[in-house]
Amino acid sequence: MFNFEDSTKKSKEAVDAALKSYSTLTRGFQAIATEAADYSKKSFEDSLSHFDRLTKVKSVEAAFELQTAYVKSAYEGYVAQATKVGEMYADLAKEAYRPYEAPVAKATAVVKSAATAAAA
């Protein structure tokens, strides 16, 4: 039989879990956006600095060496940043799912016990 108290309790638990998850997502996306903005600013400043040094070079060989060093440094920085942001997204997904772990485990247990009882 349908029980309004159980229904209300489960609805409240679902809303609480959703709010916790949304809060976690908001903080996580804000941290990722801050990280992206900081990286963009640093990358832009590094580019300007490199261009300044490049304009002061007297030979083609020195310019080539400077450009090669810059490209290598920029690529390594990009890979490190992409790895960091990827880890931030993975951590965010884990944290956002955490409020749902207990209800999902409980529901899974109920379904398994019902399936076992039906099979017997």
PDB file of N, CA and C in Angstrom:
ATOM      1  N   MET A   1       0.828  -1.174   0.000  1.00  0.00           N
ATOM      2  CA  MET A   1       0.000   0.000   0.000  1.00  0.00           C
ATOM      3  C   MET A   1       0.883   1.252   0.000  1.00  0.00           C
ATOM      4  N   PHE A   2       0.398   2.259  -0.603  1.00  0.00           N
ATOM      5  CA  PHE A   2       1.158   3.506  -0.720  1.00  0.00           C
ATOM      6  C   PHE A   2       1.167   4.239   0.620  1.00  0.00           C
ATOM      7  N   ASN A   3       2.359   4.652   1.036  1.00  0.00           N
ATOM      8  CA  ASN A   3       2.514   5.340   2.314  1.00  0.00           C
ATOM      9  C   ASN A   3       3.026   6.751   2.037  1.00  0.00           C
ATOM     10  N   PHE A   4       2.228   7.738   2.390  1.00  0.00           N
ATOM     11  CA  PHE A   4       2.595   9.128   2.117  1.00  0.00           C
ATOM     12  C   PHE A   4       3.826   9.559   2.915  1.00  0.00           C
ATOM     13  N   GLU A   5       3.991   9.067   4.126  1.00  0.00           N
ATOM     14  CA  GLU A   5       5.156   9.444   4.937  1.00  0.00           C
ATOM     15  C   GLU A   5       6.448   8.941   4.310  1.00  0.00           C
ATOM     16  N   ASP A   6       6.430   7.681   3.837  1.00  0.00           N
ATOM     17  CA  ASP A   6       7.622   7.144   3.169  1.00  0.00           C
ATOM     18  C   ASP A   6       7.910   7.904   1.880  1.00  0.00           C
ATOM     19  N   SER A   7       6.852   8.224   1.160  1.00  0.00           N
ATOM     20  CA  SER A   7       7.005   8.972  -0.085  1.00  0.00           C
ATOM     21  C   SER A   7       7.606  10.348   0.172  1.00  0.00           C
ATOM     22  N   THR A   8       7.112  11.012   1.200  1.00  0.00           N
ATOM     23  CA  THR A   8       7.630  12.337   1.550  1.00  0.00           C
ATOM     24  C   THR A   8       9.080  12.256   1.977  1.00  0.00           C
ATOM     25  N   LYS A   9       9.408  11.249   2.767  1.00  0.00           N
ATOM     26  CA  LYS A   9      10.792  11.074   3.235  1.00  0.00           C
ATOM     27  C   LYS A   9      11.733  10.814   2.063  1.00  0.00           C
ATOM     28  N   LYS A  10      11.319   9.942   1.157  1.00  0.00           N
ATOM     29  CA  LYS A  10      12.163   9.629  -0.004  1.00  0.00           C
ATOM     30  C   LYS A  10      12.314  10.843  -0.926  1.00  0.00           C
ATOM     31  N   SER A  11      11.256  11.605  -1.065  1.00  0.00           N
ATOM     32  CA  SER A  11      11.330  12.826  -1.884  1.00  0.00           C
ATOM     33  C   SER A  11      12.302  13.827  -1.275  1.00  0.00           C
ATOM     34  N   LYS A  12      12.241  13.971   0.050  1.00  0.00           N
ATOM     35  CA  LYS A  12      13.152  14.887   0.737  1.00  0.00           C
ATOM     36  C   LYS A  12      14.596  14.420   0.579  1.00  0.00           C
ATOM     37  N   GLU A  13      14.823  13.115   0.709  1.00  0.00           N
ATOM     38  CA  GLU A  13      16.178  12.577   0.536  1.00  0.00           C
ATOM     39  C   GLU A  13      16.682  12.820  -0.881  1.00  0.00           C
ATOM     40  N   ALA A  14      15.805  12.653  -1.873  1.00  0.00           N
ATOM     41  CA  ALA A  14      16.193  12.876  -3.265  1.00  0.00           C
ATOM     42  C   ALA A  14      16.547  14.339  -3.512  1.00  0.00           C
ATOM     43  N   VAL A  15      15.750  15.235  -2.967  1.00  0.00           N
ATOM     44  CA  VAL A  15      16.016  16.672  -3.138  1.00  0.00           C
ATOM     45  C   VAL A  15      17.317  17.052  -2.432  1.00  0.00           C
ATOM     46  N   ASP A  16      17.540  16.532  -1.232  1.00  0.00           N
ATOM     47  CA  ASP A  16      18.785  16.811  -0.503  1.00  0.00           C
ATOM     48  C   ASP A  16      19.999  16.318  -1.290  1.00  0.00           C
ATOM     49  N   ALA A  17      19.901  15.109  -1.831  1.00  0.00           N
ATOM     50  CA  ALA A  17      21.015  14.564  -2.620  1.00  0.00           C
ATOM     51  C   ALA A  17      21.267  15.421  -3.857  1.00  0.00           C
ATOM     52  N   ALA A  18      20.197  15.847  -4.524  1.00  0.00           N
ATOM     53  CA  ALA A  18      20.345  16.690  -5.713  1.00  0.00           C
ATOM     54  C   ALA A  18      20.985  18.027  -5.366  1.00  0.00           C
ATOM     55  N   LEU A  19      20.556  18.624  -4.263  1.00  0.00           N
ATOM     56  CA  LEU A  19      21.132  19.908  -3.862  1.00  0.00           C
ATOM     57  C   LEU A  19      22.612  19.781  -3.514  1.00  0.00           C
ATOM     58  N   LYS A  20      22.976  18.716  -2.825  1.00  0.00           N
ATOM     59  CA  LYS A  20      24.395  18.495  -2.512  1.00  0.00           C
ATOM     60  C   LYS A  20      25.200  18.314  -3.787  1.00  0.00           C
ATOM     61  N   SER A  21      24.660  17.544  -4.705  1.00  0.00           N
ATOM     62  CA  SER A  21      25.347  17.311  -5.974  1.00  0.00           C
ATOM     63  C   SER A  21      25.497  18.604  -6.773  1.00  0.00           C
ATOM     64  N   TYR A  22      24.437  19.390  -6.859  1.00  0.00           N
ATOM     65  CA  TYR A  22      24.496  20.662  -7.588  1.00  0.00           C
ATOM     66  C   TYR A  22      25.491  21.626  -6.948  1.00  0.00           C
ATOM     67  N   SER A  23      25.527  21.629  -5.636  1.00  0.00           N
ATOM     68  CA  SER A  23      26.475  22.491  -4.918  1.00  0.00           C
ATOM     69  C   SER A  23      27.907  22.081  -5.240  1.00  0.00           C
ATOM     70  N   THR A  24      28.144  20.781  -5.234  1.00  0.00           N
ATOM     71  CA  THR A  24      29.473  20.268  -5.563  1.00  0.00           C
ATOM     72  C   THR A  24      29.838  20.614  -7.007  1.00  0.00           C
ATOM     73  N   LEU A  25      28.890  20.441  -7.916  1.00  0.00           N
ATOM     74  CA  LEU A  25      29.142  20.776  -9.323  1.00  0.00           C
ATOM     75  C   LEU A  25      29.458  22.255  -9.497  1.00  0.00           C
ATOM     76  N   THR A  26      28.721  23.097  -8.823  1.00  0.00           N
ATOM     77  CA  THR A  26      28.946  24.541  -8.926  1.00  0.00           C
ATOM     78  C   THR A  26      30.346  24.910  -8.467  1.00  0.00           C
ATOM     79  N   ARG A  27      30.730  24.402  -7.291  1.00  0.00           N
ATOM     80  CA  ARG A  27      32.085  24.696  -6.781  1.00  0.00           C
ATOM     81  C   ARG A  27      33.153  24.137  -7.715  1.00  0.00           C
ATOM     82  N   GLY A  28      32.933  22.930  -8.222  1.00  0.00           N
ATOM     83  CA  GLY A  28      33.910  22.305  -9.112  1.00  0.00           C
ATOM     84  C   GLY A  28      34.084  23.057 -10.412  1.00  0.00           C
ATOM     85  N   PHE A  29      32.971  23.429 -11.030  1.00  0.00           N
ATOM     86  CA  PHE A  29      33.056  24.180 -12.283  1.00  0.00           C
ATOM     87  C   PHE A  29      33.671  25.554 -12.073  1.00  0.00           C
ATOM     88  N   GLN A  30      33.407  26.142 -10.933  1.00  0.00           N
ATOM     89  CA  GLN A  30      34.019  27.436 -10.618  1.00  0.00           C
ATOM     90  C   GLN A  30      35.535  27.281 -10.483  1.00  0.00           C
ATOM     91  N   ALA A  31      35.981  26.219  -9.826  1.00  0.00           N
ATOM     92  CA  ALA A  31      37.421  25.970  -9.681  1.00  0.00           C
ATOM     93  C   ALA A  31      38.065  25.707 -11.038  1.00  0.00           C
ATOM     94  N   ILE A  32      37.378  24.960 -11.894  1.00  0.00           N
ATOM     95  CA  ILE A  32      37.906  24.676 -13.234  1.00  0.00           C
ATOM     96  C   ILE A  32      37.976  25.954 -14.063  1.00  0.00           C
ATOM     97  N   ALA A  33      36.957  26.789 -13.978  1.00  0.00           N
ATOM     98  CA  ALA A  33      36.956  28.055 -14.720  1.00  0.00           C
ATOM     99  C   ALA A  33      38.085  28.965 -14.238  1.00  0.00           C
ATOM    100  N   THR A  34      38.306  28.997 -12.930  1.00  0.00           N
ATOM    101  CA  THR A  34      39.401  29.801 -12.380  1.00  0.00           C
ATOM    102  C   THR A  34      40.740  29.283 -12.878  1.00  0.00           C
ATOM    103  N   GLU A  35      40.881  27.974 -12.881  1.00  0.00           N
ATOM    104  CA  GLU A  35      42.123  27.356 -13.358  1.00  0.00           C
ATOM    105  C   GLU A  35      42.353  27.682 -14.834  1.00  0.00           C
ATOM    106  N   ALA A  36      41.309  27.616 -15.633  1.00  0.00           N
ATOM    107  CA  ALA A  36      41.422  27.931 -17.061  1.00  0.00           C
ATOM    108  C   ALA A  36      41.786  29.396 -17.276  1.00  0.00           C
ATOM    109  N   ALA A  37      41.175  30.267 -16.511  1.00  0.00           N
ATOM    110  CA  ALA A  37      41.484  31.702 -16.643  1.00  0.00           C
ATOM    111  C   ALA A  37      42.928  31.986 -16.240  1.00  0.00           C
ATOM    112  N   ASP A  38      43.376  31.366 -15.151  1.00  0.00           N
ATOM    113  CA  ASP A  38      44.760  31.564 -14.717  1.00  0.00           C
ATOM    114  C   ASP A  38      45.749  31.054 -15.756  1.00  0.00           C
ATOM    115  N   TYR A  39      45.448  29.892 -16.338  1.00  0.00           N
ATOM    116  CA  TYR A  39      46.333  29.338 -17.366  1.00  0.00           C
ATOM    117  C   TYR A  39      46.347  30.234 -18.608  1.00  0.00           C
ATOM    118  N   SER A  40      45.192  30.714 -19.005  1.00  0.00           N
ATOM    119  CA  SER A  40      45.118  31.592 -20.182  1.00  0.00           C
ATOM    120  C   SER A  40      45.926  32.866 -19.964  1.00  0.00           C
ATOM    121  N   LYS A  41      45.804  33.440 -18.783  1.00  0.00           N
ATOM    122  CA  LYS A  41      46.550  34.663 -18.465  1.00  0.00           C
ATOM    123  C   LYS A  41      48.055  34.400 -18.505  1.00  0.00           C
ATOM    124  N   LYS A  42      48.484  33.297 -17.878  1.00  0.00           N
ATOM    125  CA  LYS A  42      49.912  32.962 -17.859  1.00  0.00           C
ATOM    126  C   LYS A  42      50.412  32.684 -19.279  1.00  0.00           C
ATOM    127  N   SER A  43      49.634  31.960 -20.055  1.00  0.00           N
ATOM    128  CA  SER A  43      50.018  31.649 -21.428  1.00  0.00           C
ATOM    129  C   SER A  43      50.150  32.923 -22.267  1.00  0.00           C
ATOM    130  N   PHE A  44      49.219  33.834 -22.111  1.00  0.00           N
ATOM    131  CA  PHE A  44      49.272  35.098 -22.850  1.00  0.00           C
ATOM    132  C   PHE A  44      50.508  35.906 -22.453  1.00  0.00           C
ATOM    133  N   GLU A  45      50.783  35.971 -21.145  1.00  0.00           N
ATOM    134  CA  GLU A  45      51.961  36.710 -20.671  1.00  0.00           C
ATOM    135  C   GLU A  45      53.247  36.073 -21.178  1.00  0.00           C
ATOM    136  N   ASP A  46      53.291  34.733 -21.188  1.00  0.00           N
ATOM    137  CA  ASP A  46      54.468  34.037 -21.711  1.00  0.00           C
ATOM    138  C   ASP A  46      54.650  34.325 -23.201  1.00  0.00           C
ATOM    139  N   SER A  47      53.548  34.376 -23.938  1.00  0.00           N
ATOM    140  CA  SER A  47      53.617  34.680 -25.376  1.00  0.00           C
ATOM    141  C   SER A  47      54.154  36.085 -25.625  1.00  0.00           C
ATOM    142  N   LEU A  48      53.655  37.043 -24.862  1.00  0.00           N
ATOM    143  CA  LEU A  48      54.148  38.414 -25.014  1.00  0.00           C
ATOM    144  C   LEU A  48      55.630  38.517 -24.676  1.00  0.00           C
ATOM    145  N   SER A  49      56.029  37.856 -23.611  1.00  0.00           N
ATOM    146  CA  SER A  49      57.432  37.855 -23.213  1.00  0.00           C
ATOM    147  C   SER A  49      58.308  37.219 -24.294  1.00  0.00           C
ATOM    148  N   HIS A  50      57.828  36.124 -24.843  1.00  0.00           N
ATOM    149  CA  HIS A  50      58.581  35.445 -25.905  1.00  0.00           C
ATOM    150  C   HIS A  50      58.687  36.343 -27.138  1.00  0.00           C
ATOM    151  N   PHE A  51      57.596  36.975 -27.508  1.00  0.00           N
ATOM    152  CA  PHE A  51      57.620  37.860 -28.672  1.00  0.00           C
ATOM    153  C   PHE A  51      58.591  39.012 -28.453  1.00  0.00           C
ATOM    154  N   ASP A  52      58.628  39.548 -27.233  1.00  0.00           N
ATOM    155  CA  ASP A  52      59.550  40.626 -26.912  1.00  0.00           C
ATOM    156  C   ASP A  52      61.002  40.163 -27.081  1.00  0.00           C
ATOM    157  N   ARG A  53      61.296  38.974 -26.542  1.00  0.00           N
ATOM    158  CA  ARG A  53      62.658  38.438 -26.691  1.00  0.00           C
ATOM    159  C   ARG A  53      62.977  38.138 -28.146  1.00  0.00           C
ATOM    160  N   LEU A  54      61.988  37.672 -28.892  1.00  0.00           N
ATOM    161  CA  LEU A  54      62.200  37.319 -30.294  1.00  0.00           C
ATOM    162  C   LEU A  54      62.507  38.558 -31.138  1.00  0.00           C
ATOM    163  N   THR A  55      61.922  39.679 -30.801  1.00  0.00           N
ATOM    164  CA  THR A  55      62.175  40.894 -31.576  1.00  0.00           C
ATOM    165  C   THR A  55      63.571  41.455 -31.335  1.00  0.00           C
ATOM    166  N   LYS A  56      64.217  41.038 -30.243  1.00  0.00           N
ATOM    167  CA  LYS A  56      65.549  41.543 -29.916  1.00  0.00           C
ATOM    168  C   LYS A  56      66.675  40.645 -30.419  1.00  0.00           C
ATOM    169  N   VAL A  57      66.329  39.540 -31.057  1.00  0.00           N
ATOM    170  CA  VAL A  57      67.343  38.594 -31.547  1.00  0.00           C
ATOM    171  C   VAL A  57      67.979  39.141 -32.823  1.00  0.00           C
ATOM    172  N   LYS A  58      69.295  38.905 -32.954  1.00  0.00           N
ATOM    173  CA  LYS A  58      70.039  39.460 -34.088  1.00  0.00           C
ATOM    174  C   LYS A  58      70.252  38.471 -35.230  1.00  0.00           C
ATOM    175  N   SER A  59      70.140  37.153 -34.952  1.00  0.00           N
ATOM    176  CA  SER A  59      70.399  36.181 -36.017  1.00  0.00           C
ATOM    177  C   SER A  59      69.226  35.211 -36.166  1.00  0.00           C
ATOM    178  N   VAL A  60      69.151  34.619 -37.350  1.00  0.00           N
ATOM    179  CA  VAL A  60      68.097  33.657 -37.635  1.00  0.00           C
ATOM    180  C   VAL A  60      68.267  32.411 -36.776  1.00  0.00           C
ATOM    181  N   GLU A  61      69.527  31.995 -36.580  1.00  0.00           N
ATOM    182  CA  GLU A  61      69.797  30.797 -35.770  1.00  0.00           C
ATOM    183  C   GLU A  61      69.329  30.996 -34.331  1.00  0.00           C
ATOM    184  N   ALA A  62      69.606  32.148 -33.770  1.00  0.00           N
ATOM    185  CA  ALA A  62      69.186  32.440 -32.398  1.00  0.00           C
ATOM    186  C   ALA A  62      67.660  32.511 -32.309  1.00  0.00           C
ATOM    187  N   ALA A  63      67.040  33.087 -33.327  1.00  0.00           N
ATOM    188  CA  ALA A  63      65.576  33.164 -33.352  1.00  0.00           C
ATOM    189  C   ALA A  63      64.977  31.755 -33.436  1.00  0.00           C
ATOM    190  N   PHE A  64      65.599  30.905 -34.254  1.00  0.00           N
ATOM    191  CA  PHE A  64      65.113  29.530 -34.389  1.00  0.00           C
ATOM    192  C   PHE A  64      65.236  28.776 -33.061  1.00  0.00           C
ATOM    193  N   GLU A  65      66.365  28.928 -32.395  1.00  0.00           N
ATOM    194  CA  GLU A  65      66.568  28.273 -31.099  1.00  0.00           C
ATOM    195  C   GLU A  65      65.569  28.788 -30.050  1.00  0.00           C
ATOM    196  N   LEU A  66      65.380  30.084 -30.040  1.00  0.00           N
ATOM    197  CA  LEU A  66      64.445  30.679 -29.099  1.00  0.00           C
ATOM    198  C   LEU A  66      63.015  30.191 -29.365  1.00  0.00           C
ATOM    199  N   GLN A  67      62.645  30.156 -30.625  1.00  0.00           N
ATOM    200  CA  GLN A  67      61.308  29.691 -30.995  1.00  0.00           C
ATOM    201  C   GLN A  67      61.121  28.217 -30.640  1.00  0.00           C
ATOM    202  N   THR A  68      62.126  27.408 -30.882  1.00  0.00           N
ATOM    203  CA  THR A  68      62.052  25.979 -30.559  1.00  0.00           C
ATOM    204  C   THR A  68      61.891  25.776 -29.059  1.00  0.00           C
ATOM    205  N   ALA A  69      62.649  26.505 -28.287  1.00  0.00           N
ATOM    206  CA  ALA A  69      62.556  26.389 -26.827  1.00  0.00           C
ATOM    207  C   ALA A  69      61.170  26.837 -26.339  1.00  0.00           C
ATOM    208  N   TYR A  70      60.658  27.890 -26.942  1.00  0.00           N
ATOM    209  CA  TYR A  70      59.339  28.381 -26.538  1.00  0.00           C
ATOM    210  C   TYR A  70      58.239  27.372 -26.869  1.00  0.00           C
ATOM    211  N   VAL A  71      58.287  26.821 -28.073  1.00  0.00           N
ATOM    212  CA  VAL A  71      57.261  25.854 -28.479  1.00  0.00           C
ATOM    213  C   VAL A  71      57.312  24.627 -27.584  1.00  0.00           C
ATOM    214  N   LYS A  72      58.498  24.168 -27.275  1.00  0.00           N
ATOM    215  CA  LYS A  72      58.635  23.008 -26.397  1.00  0.00           C
ATOM    216  C   LYS A  72      58.063  23.319 -25.013  1.00  0.00           C
ATOM    217  N   SER A  73      58.397  24.462 -24.476  1.00  0.00           N
ATOM    218  CA  SER A  73      57.912  24.869 -23.161  1.00  0.00           C
ATOM    219  C   SER A  73      56.389  25.041 -23.163  1.00  0.00           C
ATOM    220  N   ALA A  74      55.860  25.656 -24.204  1.00  0.00           N
ATOM    221  CA  ALA A  74      54.414  25.883 -24.302  1.00  0.00           C
ATOM    222  C   ALA A  74      53.672  24.549 -24.404  1.00  0.00           C
ATOM    223  N   TYR A  75      54.214  23.621 -25.173  1.00  0.00           N
ATOM    224  CA  TYR A  75      53.575  22.314 -25.327  1.00  0.00           C
ATOM    225  C   TYR A  75      53.580  21.553 -24.005  1.00  0.00           C
ATOM    226  N   GLU A  76      54.708  21.555 -23.310  1.00  0.00           N
ATOM    227  CA  GLU A  76      54.796  20.862 -22.022  1.00  0.00           C
ATOM    228  C   GLU A  76      53.838  21.491 -21.000  1.00  0.00           C
ATOM    229  N   GLY A  77      53.749  22.805 -21.017  1.00  0.00           N
ATOM    230  CA  GLY A  77      52.818  23.492 -20.127  1.00  0.00           C
ATOM    231  C   GLY A  77      51.373  23.148 -20.442  1.00  0.00           C
ATOM    232  N   TYR A  78      51.059  23.066 -21.727  1.00  0.00           N
ATOM    233  CA  TYR A  78      49.697  22.716 -22.141  1.00  0.00           C
ATOM    234  C   TYR A  78      49.337  21.295 -21.708  1.00  0.00           C
ATOM    235  N   VAL A  79      50.245  20.358 -21.927  1.00  0.00           N
ATOM    236  CA  VAL A  79      49.984  18.968 -21.537  1.00  0.00           C
ATOM    237  C   VAL A  79      49.792  18.867 -20.022  1.00  0.00           C
ATOM    238  N   ALA A  80      50.625  19.555 -19.256  1.00  0.00           N
ATOM    239  CA  ALA A  80      50.485  19.539 -17.799  1.00  0.00           C
ATOM    240  C   ALA A  80      49.143  20.139 -17.385  1.00  0.00           C
ATOM    241  N   GLN A  81      48.762  21.233 -18.015  1.00  0.00           N
ATOM    242  CA  GLN A  81      47.489  21.873 -17.684  1.00  0.00           C
ATOM    243  C   GLN A  81      46.312  20.990 -18.079  1.00  0.00           C
ATOM    244  N   ALA A  82      46.366  20.372 -19.232  1.00  0.00           N
ATOM    245  CA  ALA A  82      45.284  19.489 -19.673  1.00  0.00           C
ATOM    246  C   ALA A  82      45.145  18.300 -18.727  1.00  0.00           C
ATOM    247  N   THR A  83      46.262  17.769 -18.262  1.00  0.00           N
ATOM    248  CA  THR A  83      46.228  16.667 -17.307  1.00  0.00           C
ATOM    249  C   THR A  83      45.592  17.119 -16.000  1.00  0.00           C
ATOM    250  N   LYS A  84      45.981  18.284 -15.529  1.00  0.00           N
ATOM    251  CA  LYS A  84      45.442  18.810 -14.275  1.00  0.00           C
ATOM    252  C   LYS A  84      43.935  19.031 -14.375  1.00  0.00           C
ATOM    253  N   VAL A  85      43.489  19.633 -15.468  1.00  0.00           N
ATOM    254  CA  VAL A  85      42.062  19.897 -15.637  1.00  0.00           C
ATOM    255  C   VAL A  85      41.292  18.582 -15.800  1.00  0.00           C
ATOM    256  N   GLY A  86      41.881  17.618 -16.484  1.00  0.00           N
ATOM    257  CA  GLY A  86      41.247  16.307 -16.604  1.00  0.00           C
ATOM    258  C   GLY A  86      41.055  15.649 -15.250  1.00  0.00           C
ATOM    259  N   GLU A  87      42.054  15.756 -14.396  1.00  0.00           N
ATOM    260  CA  GLU A  87      41.944  15.220 -13.043  1.00  0.00           C
ATOM    261  C   GLU A  87      40.890  15.980 -12.243  1.00  0.00           C
ATOM    262  N   MET A  88      40.801  17.280 -12.457  1.00  0.00           N
ATOM    263  CA  MET A  88      39.784  18.071 -11.763  1.00  0.00           C
ATOM    264  C   MET A  88      38.374  17.623 -12.177  1.00  0.00           C
ATOM    265  N   TYR A  89      38.182  17.351 -13.473  1.00  0.00           N
ATOM    266  CA  TYR A  89      36.883  16.871 -13.941  1.00  0.00           C
ATOM    267  C   TYR A  89      36.560  15.496 -13.359  1.00  0.00           C
ATOM    268  N   ALA A  90      37.549  14.607 -13.305  1.00  0.00           N
ATOM    269  CA  ALA A  90      37.326  13.273 -12.741  1.00  0.00           C
ATOM    270  C   ALA A  90      36.962  13.370 -11.263  1.00  0.00           C
ATOM    271  N   ASP A  91      37.686  14.195 -10.529  1.00  0.00           N
ATOM    272  CA  ASP A  91      37.375  14.383  -9.108  1.00  0.00           C
ATOM    273  C   ASP A  91      35.989  14.991  -8.926  1.00  0.00           C
ATOM    274  N   LEU A  92      35.640  15.917  -9.791  1.00  0.00           N
ATOM    275  CA  LEU A  92      34.325  16.549  -9.719  1.00  0.00           C
ATOM    276  C   LEU A  92      33.217  15.523  -9.948  1.00  0.00           C
ATOM    277  N   ALA A  93      33.398  14.657 -10.921  1.00  0.00           N
ATOM    278  CA  ALA A  93      32.382  13.632 -11.190  1.00  0.00           C
ATOM    279  C   ALA A  93      32.210  12.707  -9.985  1.00  0.00           C
ATOM    280  N   LYS A  94      33.315  12.314  -9.370  1.00  0.00           N
ATOM    281  CA  LYS A  94      33.238  11.445  -8.185  1.00  0.00           C
ATOM    282  C   LYS A  94      32.516  12.143  -7.039  1.00  0.00           C
ATOM    283  N   GLU A  95      32.860  13.398  -6.795  1.00  0.00           N
ATOM    284  CA  GLU A  95      32.239  14.146  -5.701  1.00  0.00           C
ATOM    285  C   GLU A  95      30.757  14.424  -5.964  1.00  0.00           C
ATOM    286  N   ALA A  96      30.398  14.694  -7.206  1.00  0.00           N
ATOM    287  CA  ALA A  96      29.003  14.976  -7.532  1.00  0.00           C
ATOM    288  C   ALA A  96      28.138  13.719  -7.403  1.00  0.00           C
ATOM    289  N   TYR A  97      28.722  12.553  -7.626  1.00  0.00           N
ATOM    290  CA  TYR A  97      27.973  11.298  -7.526  1.00  0.00           C
ATOM    291  C   TYR A  97      27.839  10.825  -6.080  1.00  0.00           C
ATOM    292  N   ARG A  98      28.740  11.246  -5.220  1.00  0.00           N
ATOM    293  CA  ARG A  98      28.769  10.766  -3.836  1.00  0.00           C
ATOM    294  C   ARG A  98      27.420  10.840  -3.113  1.00  0.00           C
ATOM    295  N   PRO A  99      26.626  11.923  -3.220  1.00  0.00           N
ATOM    296  CA  PRO A  99      25.328  11.956  -2.519  1.00  0.00           C
ATOM    297  C   PRO A  99      24.353  10.875  -2.996  1.00  0.00           C
ATOM    298  N   TYR A 100      24.570  10.347  -4.195  1.00  0.00           N
ATOM    299  CA  TYR A 100      23.664   9.339  -4.740  1.00  0.00           C
ATOM    300  C   TYR A 100      24.101   7.908  -4.432  1.00  0.00           C
ATOM    301  N   GLU A 101      25.307   7.715  -3.904  1.00  0.00           N
ATOM    302  CA  GLU A 101      25.813   6.361  -3.680  1.00  0.00           C
ATOM    303  C   GLU A 101      24.923   5.552  -2.746  1.00  0.00           C
ATOM    304  N   ALA A 102      24.575   6.113  -1.600  1.00  0.00           N
ATOM    305  CA  ALA A 102      23.769   5.364  -0.626  1.00  0.00           C
ATOM    306  C   ALA A 102      22.371   5.044  -1.162  1.00  0.00           C
ATOM    307  N   PRO A 103      21.643   6.008  -1.728  1.00  0.00           N
ATOM    308  CA  PRO A 103      20.312   5.663  -2.260  1.00  0.00           C
ATOM    309  C   PRO A 103      20.367   4.636  -3.396  1.00  0.00           C
ATOM    310  N   VAL A 104      21.377   4.735  -4.251  1.00  0.00           N
ATOM    311  CA  VAL A 104      21.495   3.775  -5.350  1.00  0.00           C
ATOM    312  C   VAL A 104      21.814   2.386  -4.801  1.00  0.00           C
ATOM    313  N   ALA A 105      22.693   2.314  -3.814  1.00  0.00           N
ATOM    314  CA  ALA A 105      23.022   1.021  -3.205  1.00  0.00           C
ATOM    315  C   ALA A 105      21.791   0.415  -2.536  1.00  0.00           C
ATOM    316  N   LYS A 106      21.010   1.246  -1.861  1.00  0.00           N
ATOM    317  CA  LYS A 106      19.794   0.772  -1.190  1.00  0.00           C
ATOM    318  C   LYS A 106      18.786   0.257  -2.228  1.00  0.00           C
ATOM    319  N   ALA A 107      18.600   1.001  -3.290  1.00  0.00           N
ATOM    320  CA  ALA A 107      17.658   0.584  -4.337  1.00  0.00           C
ATOM    321  C   ALA A 107      18.123  -0.696  -5.018  1.00  0.00           C
ATOM    322  N   THR A 108      19.424  -0.811  -5.237  1.00  0.00           N
ATOM    323  CA  THR A 108      19.968  -2.018  -5.854  1.00  0.00           C
ATOM    324  C   THR A 108      19.737  -3.231  -4.960  1.00  0.00           C
ATOM    325  N   ALA A 109      19.929  -3.049  -3.665  1.00  0.00           N
ATOM    326  CA  ALA A 109      19.704  -4.148  -2.721  1.00  0.00           C
ATOM    327  C   ALA A 109      18.242  -4.573  -2.722  1.00  0.00           C
ATOM    328  N   VAL A 110      17.325  -3.613  -2.785  1.00  0.00           N
ATOM    329  CA  VAL A 110      15.896  -3.935  -2.813  1.00  0.00           C
ATOM    330  C   VAL A 110      15.551  -4.719  -4.080  1.00  0.00           C
ATOM    331  N   VAL A 111      16.087  -4.286  -5.205  1.00  0.00           N
ATOM    332  CA  VAL A 111      15.807  -4.967  -6.469  1.00  0.00           C
ATOM    333  C   VAL A 111      16.382  -6.385  -6.448  1.00  0.00           C
ATOM    334  N   LYS A 112      17.605  -6.533  -5.921  1.00  0.00           N
ATOM    335  CA  LYS A 112      18.209  -7.865  -5.845  1.00  0.00           C
ATOM    336  C   LYS A 112      17.403  -8.794  -4.946  1.00  0.00           C
ATOM    337  N   SER A 113      16.952  -8.285  -3.811  1.00  0.00           N
ATOM    338  CA  SER A 113      16.177  -9.132  -2.896  1.00  0.00           C
ATOM    339  C   SER A 113      14.828  -9.493  -3.512  1.00  0.00           C
ATOM    340  N   ALA A 114      14.225  -8.567  -4.251  1.00  0.00           N
ATOM    341  CA  ALA A 114      12.953  -8.861  -4.930  1.00  0.00           C
ATOM    342  C   ALA A 114      13.164  -9.898  -6.023  1.00  0.00           C
ATOM    343  N   ALA A 115      14.261  -9.779  -6.757  1.00  0.00           N
ATOM    344  CA  ALA A 115      14.551 -10.742  -7.815  1.00  0.00           C
ATOM    345  C   ALA A 115      14.824 -12.128  -7.228  1.00  0.00           C
ATOM    346  N   THR A 116      15.538 -12.165  -6.100  1.00  0.00           N
ATOM    347  CA  THR A 116      15.826 -13.436  -5.432  1.00  0.00           C
ATOM    348  C   THR A 116      14.538 -14.069  -4.924  1.00  0.00           C
ATOM    349  N   ALA A 117      13.666 -13.250  -4.349  1.00  0.00           N
ATOM    350  CA  ALA A 117      12.400 -13.760  -3.825  1.00  0.00           C
ATOM    351  C   ALA A 117      11.507 -14.249  -4.971  1.00  0.00           C
ATOM    352  N   ALA A 118      11.517 -13.583  -6.088  1.00  0.00           N
ATOM    353  CA  ALA A 118      10.708 -13.975  -7.226  1.00  0.00           C
ATOM    354  C   ALA A 118      11.231 -15.263  -7.854  1.00  0.00           C
ATOM    355  N   ALA A 119      12.547 -15.442  -7.815  1.00  0.00           N
ATOM    356  CA  ALA A 119      13.154 -16.640  -8.401  1.00  0.00           C
ATOM    357  C   ALA A 119      12.912 -17.876  -7.538  1.00  0.00           C
ATOM    358  N   ALA A 120      12.694 -17.677  -6.242  1.00  0.00           N
ATOM    359  CA  ALA A 120      12.523 -18.820  -5.321  1.00  0.00           C
ATOM    360  C   ALA A 120      11.143 -19.376  -5.329  1.00  0.00           C
TER     361      ALA A 120
END
